[in-house]
């Protein structure tokens, strides 16, 4: 995979990771008794991915890297199979 495509995939997966975290954390906040400090921190991050501070985007990219690494063997195996067929 070329570097440009890899970077675009990383950002797309990071965006999904953030959306998943928002959904999870908002559900948890609605159903559990969380500290006010935690809620205040989380509420600042319940924003679209593009509006996150760069440090938080980088954290989401770390999760994206882990998801991509887990999927990569299957992606590569599919590419090999397609080349053989």
C-alpha atoms as a PDB file:
ATOM      1  CA  UNK A   1       0.000   0.000   0.000  1.00  0.00           C
ATOM      2  CA  UNK A   2       1.413   3.412  -0.873  1.00  0.00           C
ATOM      3  CA  UNK A   3       2.152   5.957   1.862  1.00  0.00           C
ATOM      4  CA  UNK A   4      -0.666   8.330   0.869  1.00  0.00           C
ATOM      5  CA  UNK A   5      -3.275   5.592   0.987  1.00  0.00           C
ATOM      6  CA  UNK A   6      -1.855   4.317   4.286  1.00  0.00           C
ATOM      7  CA  UNK A   7      -2.116   7.810   5.821  1.00  0.00           C
ATOM      8  CA  UNK A   8      -5.697   8.232   4.591  1.00  0.00           C
ATOM      9  CA  UNK A   9      -6.658   4.835   5.995  1.00  0.00           C
ATOM     10  CA  UNK A  10      -5.048   5.705   9.332  1.00  0.00           C
ATOM     11  CA  UNK A  11      -7.038   8.953   9.584  1.00  0.00           C
ATOM     12  CA  UNK A  12     -10.282   7.219   8.570  1.00  0.00           C
ATOM     13  CA  UNK A  13      -9.822   4.537  11.226  1.00  0.00           C
ATOM     14  CA  UNK A  14      -8.801   7.148  13.832  1.00  0.00           C
ATOM     15  CA  UNK A  15     -12.027   9.016  13.074  1.00  0.00           C
ATOM     16  CA  UNK A  16     -14.049   5.816  13.637  1.00  0.00           C
ATOM     17  CA  UNK A  17     -12.130   5.101  16.844  1.00  0.00           C
ATOM     18  CA  UNK A  18     -13.087   8.557  18.129  1.00  0.00           C
ATOM     19  CA  UNK A  19     -16.734   8.063  17.145  1.00  0.00           C
ATOM     20  CA  UNK A  20     -16.757   4.710  18.954  1.00  0.00           C
ATOM     21  CA  UNK A  21     -15.238   6.283  22.072  1.00  0.00           C
ATOM     22  CA  UNK A  22     -17.795   9.123  21.999  1.00  0.00           C
ATOM     23  CA  UNK A  23     -20.660   6.647  21.766  1.00  0.00           C
ATOM     24  CA  UNK A  24     -19.234   4.447  24.537  1.00  0.00           C
ATOM     25  CA  UNK A  25     -18.389   7.325  26.877  1.00  0.00           C
ATOM     26  CA  UNK A  26     -21.732   9.065  26.377  1.00  0.00           C
ATOM     27  CA  UNK A  27     -23.570   5.800  27.071  1.00  0.00           C
ATOM     28  CA  UNK A  28     -21.452   5.242  30.170  1.00  0.00           C
ATOM     29  CA  UNK A  29     -22.051   8.815  31.334  1.00  0.00           C
ATOM     30  CA  UNK A  30     -25.808   8.324  30.955  1.00  0.00           C
ATOM     31  CA  UNK A  31     -25.929   5.029  32.832  1.00  0.00           C
ATOM     32  CA  UNK A  32     -23.184   5.178  35.472  1.00  0.00           C
ATOM     33  CA  UNK A  33     -22.342   7.472  38.359  1.00  0.00           C
ATOM     34  CA  UNK A  34     -19.139   9.107  37.109  1.00  0.00           C
ATOM     35  CA  UNK A  35     -17.176  11.797  38.870  1.00  0.00           C
ATOM     36  CA  UNK A  36     -17.845  15.376  37.825  1.00  0.00           C
ATOM     37  CA  UNK A  37     -14.188  15.774  36.941  1.00  0.00           C
ATOM     38  CA  UNK A  38     -14.309  12.867  34.506  1.00  0.00           C
ATOM     39  CA  UNK A  39     -17.534  14.147  32.966  1.00  0.00           C
ATOM     40  CA  UNK A  40     -16.058  17.613  32.541  1.00  0.00           C
ATOM     41  CA  UNK A  41     -12.964  16.177  30.798  1.00  0.00           C
ATOM     42  CA  UNK A  42     -15.021  13.898  28.559  1.00  0.00           C
ATOM     43  CA  UNK A  43     -17.524  16.575  27.563  1.00  0.00           C
ATOM     44  CA  UNK A  44     -14.674  18.636  26.115  1.00  0.00           C
ATOM     45  CA  UNK A  45     -13.851  15.673  23.865  1.00  0.00           C
ATOM     46  CA  UNK A  46     -17.406  14.992  22.670  1.00  0.00           C
ATOM     47  CA  UNK A  47     -16.691  16.916  19.508  1.00  0.00           C
ATOM     48  CA  UNK A  48     -16.164  15.892  15.889  1.00  0.00           C
ATOM     49  CA  UNK A  49     -12.768  14.340  15.215  1.00  0.00           C
ATOM     50  CA  UNK A  50     -11.651  17.359  13.174  1.00  0.00           C
ATOM     51  CA  UNK A  51     -12.222  19.610  16.201  1.00  0.00           C
ATOM     52  CA  UNK A  52     -10.085  17.564  18.591  1.00  0.00           C
ATOM     53  CA  UNK A  53      -6.784  18.925  19.889  1.00  0.00           C
ATOM     54  CA  UNK A  54      -3.848  17.383  18.020  1.00  0.00           C
ATOM     55  CA  UNK A  55      -2.783  15.389  21.089  1.00  0.00           C
ATOM     56  CA  UNK A  56      -6.135  13.630  21.233  1.00  0.00           C
ATOM     57  CA  UNK A  57      -6.071  12.962  17.500  1.00  0.00           C
ATOM     58  CA  UNK A  58      -2.683  11.355  18.035  1.00  0.00           C
ATOM     59  CA  UNK A  59      -4.158   9.114  20.748  1.00  0.00           C
ATOM     60  CA  UNK A  60      -6.912   8.033  18.334  1.00  0.00           C
ATOM     61  CA  UNK A  61      -4.259   7.375  15.677  1.00  0.00           C
ATOM     62  CA  UNK A  62      -2.565   5.033  18.130  1.00  0.00           C
ATOM     63  CA  UNK A  63      -5.781   3.025  18.429  1.00  0.00           C
ATOM     64  CA  UNK A  64      -6.138   3.160  14.649  1.00  0.00           C
ATOM     65  CA  UNK A  65      -2.647   1.737  14.252  1.00  0.00           C
ATOM     66  CA  UNK A  66      -3.582  -1.166  16.524  1.00  0.00           C
ATOM     67  CA  UNK A  67      -6.788  -1.874  14.572  1.00  0.00           C
ATOM     68  CA  UNK A  68      -4.965  -1.723  11.243  1.00  0.00           C
ATOM     69  CA  UNK A  69      -2.222  -4.014  12.542  1.00  0.00           C
ATOM     70  CA  UNK A  70      -4.866  -6.538  13.603  1.00  0.00           C
ATOM     71  CA  UNK A  71      -6.546  -6.401  10.175  1.00  0.00           C
ATOM     72  CA  UNK A  72      -3.380  -6.280   8.066  1.00  0.00           C
ATOM     73  CA  UNK A  73      -2.780 -10.078   7.871  1.00  0.00           C
ATOM     74  CA  UNK A  74      -6.295 -10.577   6.516  1.00  0.00           C
ATOM     75  CA  UNK A  75      -5.959  -7.722   4.034  1.00  0.00           C
ATOM     76  CA  UNK A  76      -2.624  -9.044   2.814  1.00  0.00           C
ATOM     77  CA  UNK A  77      -3.951 -12.612   2.559  1.00  0.00           C
ATOM     78  CA  UNK A  78      -6.864 -11.355   0.453  1.00  0.00           C
ATOM     79  CA  UNK A  79      -4.463  -9.514  -1.852  1.00  0.00           C
ATOM     80  CA  UNK A  80      -2.415 -12.686  -2.314  1.00  0.00           C
ATOM     81  CA  UNK A  81      -5.499 -14.775  -3.056  1.00  0.00           C
ATOM     82  CA  UNK A  82      -6.747 -12.215  -5.595  1.00  0.00           C
ATOM     83  CA  UNK A  83      -3.358 -12.248  -7.361  1.00  0.00           C
ATOM     84  CA  UNK A  84      -3.402 -16.034  -7.600  1.00  0.00           C
ATOM     85  CA  UNK A  85      -6.939 -16.159  -8.986  1.00  0.00           C
END
